[in-house]
Amino acid sequence: MDGQRTLAQLLQLAEWETETTFAEKDICSFLFAVNYLTQYGYLKTSYLRGISSKEIIKALRSVGLRKSDLLLIHSSLSAFAILKAGQTQ
C-alpha cells in the first residue's frame, strides 16, 4: 500500500498483475487482513467517509422497507462502513 490508492484500486491492480479475478471470499480475506493489520498498528488506513444511522435508514427506506417491517441482518455495522463516533445503530 502506497498511501495514495484505495483498497479497491489495490485489489484491481493485484488482479491485473496476477491475471486473476479474485473470488468474493478472497476479497473478504484480504479486507479482514488489512483491518487486522490496521488494528494492531502494522498498517495505517484512513476512510474516505463514515456513514450515519440516518443514511442507513434512508437507504433501507429507498428499497421499500417500512418502519413496521422486520429485517434480519447478519453482520456488524462496521462491515458497511466506519460509523461516526458514538453511533451504535
C-alpha atoms as a PDB file:
ATOM      1  CA  MET A   1       0.000   0.000   0.000  1.00  0.00           C
ATOM      2  CA  ASP A   2       1.459   3.294  -1.029  1.00  0.00           C
ATOM      3  CA  GLY A   3      -0.855   5.688   0.771  1.00  0.00           C
ATOM      4  CA  GLN A   4      -2.203   7.014  -2.498  1.00  0.00           C
ATOM      5  CA  ARG A   5      -4.611   4.282  -3.569  1.00  0.00           C
ATOM      6  CA  THR A   6      -7.896   2.961  -2.260  1.00  0.00           C
ATOM      7  CA  LEU A   7      -8.327  -0.681  -1.310  1.00  0.00           C
ATOM      8  CA  ALA A   8     -10.471  -1.162  -4.422  1.00  0.00           C
ATOM      9  CA  GLN A   9      -7.659   0.188  -6.599  1.00  0.00           C
ATOM     10  CA  LEU A  10      -5.149  -2.092  -4.883  1.00  0.00           C
ATOM     11  CA  LEU A  11      -7.364  -5.113  -5.481  1.00  0.00           C
ATOM     12  CA  GLN A  12      -7.805  -4.185  -9.151  1.00  0.00           C
ATOM     13  CA  LEU A  13      -4.041  -3.774  -9.527  1.00  0.00           C
ATOM     14  CA  ALA A  14      -3.391  -7.138  -7.870  1.00  0.00           C
ATOM     15  CA  GLU A  15      -5.932  -8.808 -10.174  1.00  0.00           C
ATOM     16  CA  TRP A  16      -4.284  -7.217 -13.203  1.00  0.00           C
ATOM     17  CA  GLU A  17      -0.774  -8.188 -12.095  1.00  0.00           C
ATOM     18  CA  THR A  18      -1.760 -11.785 -11.381  1.00  0.00           C
ATOM     19  CA  GLU A  19      -4.115 -12.033 -14.375  1.00  0.00           C
ATOM     20  CA  THR A  20      -6.774 -13.340 -11.999  1.00  0.00           C
ATOM     21  CA  THR A  21     -10.227 -12.299 -10.890  1.00  0.00           C
ATOM     22  CA  PHE A  22     -10.473 -12.715  -7.143  1.00  0.00           C
ATOM     23  CA  ALA A  23     -13.405 -14.595  -5.681  1.00  0.00           C
ATOM     24  CA  GLU A  24     -15.544 -12.801  -3.111  1.00  0.00           C
ATOM     25  CA  LYS A  25     -14.100 -14.975  -0.314  1.00  0.00           C
ATOM     26  CA  ASP A  26     -10.574 -13.935  -1.316  1.00  0.00           C
ATOM     27  CA  ILE A  27     -11.522 -10.264  -1.244  1.00  0.00           C
ATOM     28  CA  CYS A  28     -13.115 -10.746   2.184  1.00  0.00           C
ATOM     29  CA  SER A  29      -9.938 -12.414   3.435  1.00  0.00           C
ATOM     30  CA  PHE A  30      -7.857  -9.533   2.099  1.00  0.00           C
ATOM     31  CA  LEU A  31     -10.086  -6.947   3.790  1.00  0.00           C
ATOM     32  CA  PHE A  32     -10.009  -8.902   7.053  1.00  0.00           C
ATOM     33  CA  ALA A  33      -6.193  -8.973   6.902  1.00  0.00           C
ATOM     34  CA  VAL A  34      -5.993  -5.229   6.229  1.00  0.00           C
ATOM     35  CA  ASN A  35      -8.337  -4.493   9.145  1.00  0.00           C
ATOM     36  CA  TYR A  36      -6.363  -6.826  11.411  1.00  0.00           C
ATOM     37  CA  LEU A  37      -3.026  -5.247  10.488  1.00  0.00           C
ATOM     38  CA  THR A  38      -4.504  -1.783  10.999  1.00  0.00           C
ATOM     39  CA  GLN A  39      -5.988  -2.704  14.374  1.00  0.00           C
ATOM     40  CA  TYR A  40      -2.596  -3.862  15.669  1.00  0.00           C
ATOM     41  CA  GLY A  41      -0.644  -0.924  14.261  1.00  0.00           C
ATOM     42  CA  TYR A  42       1.131  -2.588  11.341  1.00  0.00           C
ATOM     43  CA  LEU A  43      -0.755  -0.503   8.765  1.00  0.00           C
ATOM     44  CA  LYS A  44      -2.267   2.933   8.867  1.00  0.00           C
ATOM     45  CA  THR A  45      -5.519   3.226   6.977  1.00  0.00           C
ATOM     46  CA  SER A  46      -7.935   6.073   6.599  1.00  0.00           C
ATOM     47  CA  TYR A  47     -11.503   6.060   5.461  1.00  0.00           C
ATOM     48  CA  LEU A  48     -12.939   8.436   2.932  1.00  0.00           C
ATOM     49  CA  ARG A  49     -16.072   8.960   4.953  1.00  0.00           C
ATOM     50  CA  GLY A  50     -18.290   7.484   7.601  1.00  0.00           C
ATOM     51  CA  ILE A  51     -21.925   6.579   7.399  1.00  0.00           C
ATOM     52  CA  SER A  52     -24.598   7.725   9.772  1.00  0.00           C
ATOM     53  CA  SER A  53     -27.587   5.790  11.026  1.00  0.00           C
ATOM     54  CA  LYS A  54     -29.791   8.298   9.184  1.00  0.00           C
ATOM     55  CA  GLU A  55     -28.082   7.351   5.910  1.00  0.00           C
ATOM     56  CA  ILE A  56     -28.647   3.647   6.590  1.00  0.00           C
ATOM     57  CA  ILE A  57     -32.322   4.265   7.361  1.00  0.00           C
ATOM     58  CA  LYS A  58     -32.712   6.367   4.203  1.00  0.00           C
ATOM     59  CA  ALA A  59     -31.131   3.610   2.087  1.00  0.00           C
ATOM     60  CA  LEU A  60     -33.382   0.930   3.606  1.00  0.00           C
ATOM     61  CA  ARG A  61     -36.468   3.068   3.010  1.00  0.00           C
ATOM     62  CA  SER A  62     -35.384   3.676  -0.592  1.00  0.00           C
ATOM     63  CA  VAL A  63     -35.635  -0.078  -1.259  1.00  0.00           C
ATOM     64  CA  GLY A  64     -39.138  -0.226   0.192  1.00  0.00           C
ATOM     65  CA  LEU A  65     -38.668  -1.132   3.854  1.00  0.00           C
ATOM     66  CA  ARG A  66     -41.111   0.483   6.227  1.00  0.00           C
ATOM     67  CA  LYS A  67     -40.854   1.202   9.930  1.00  0.00           C
ATOM     68  CA  SER A  68     -43.136  -1.759  10.765  1.00  0.00           C
ATOM     69  CA  ASP A  69     -41.173  -4.260   8.609  1.00  0.00           C
ATOM     70  CA  LEU A  70     -38.946  -6.883  10.192  1.00  0.00           C
ATOM     71  CA  LEU A  71     -35.397  -7.054   8.881  1.00  0.00           C
ATOM     72  CA  LEU A  72     -32.716  -9.526   9.917  1.00  0.00           C
ATOM     73  CA  ILE A  73     -29.127  -8.520   9.166  1.00  0.00           C
ATOM     74  CA  HIS A  74     -26.283 -10.841   9.986  1.00  0.00           C
ATOM     75  CA  SER A  75     -23.311  -8.514  10.063  1.00  0.00           C
ATOM     76  CA  SER A  76     -21.617  -5.830  12.062  1.00  0.00           C
ATOM     77  CA  LEU A  77     -22.423  -2.260  11.161  1.00  0.00           C
ATOM     78  CA  SER A  78     -18.713  -1.602  10.759  1.00  0.00           C
ATOM     79  CA  ALA A  79     -18.747  -4.043   7.837  1.00  0.00           C
ATOM     80  CA  PHE A  80     -20.773  -1.480   5.898  1.00  0.00           C
ATOM     81  CA  ALA A  81     -18.553   1.489   6.702  1.00  0.00           C
ATOM     82  CA  ILE A  82     -16.941   3.278   9.581  1.00  0.00           C
ATOM     83  CA  LEU A  83     -19.582   4.643  11.890  1.00  0.00           C
ATOM     84  CA  LYS A  84     -19.249   8.127  13.262  1.00  0.00           C
ATOM     85  CA  ALA A  85     -18.235   8.396  16.922  1.00  0.00           C
ATOM     86  CA  GLY A  86     -20.819   7.158  19.378  1.00  0.00           C
ATOM     87  CA  GLN A  87     -23.132   5.521  16.850  1.00  0.00           C
ATOM     88  CA  THR A  88     -24.358   2.039  17.590  1.00  0.00           C
ATOM     89  CA  GLN A  89     -27.373   1.860  15.312  1.00  0.00           C
END
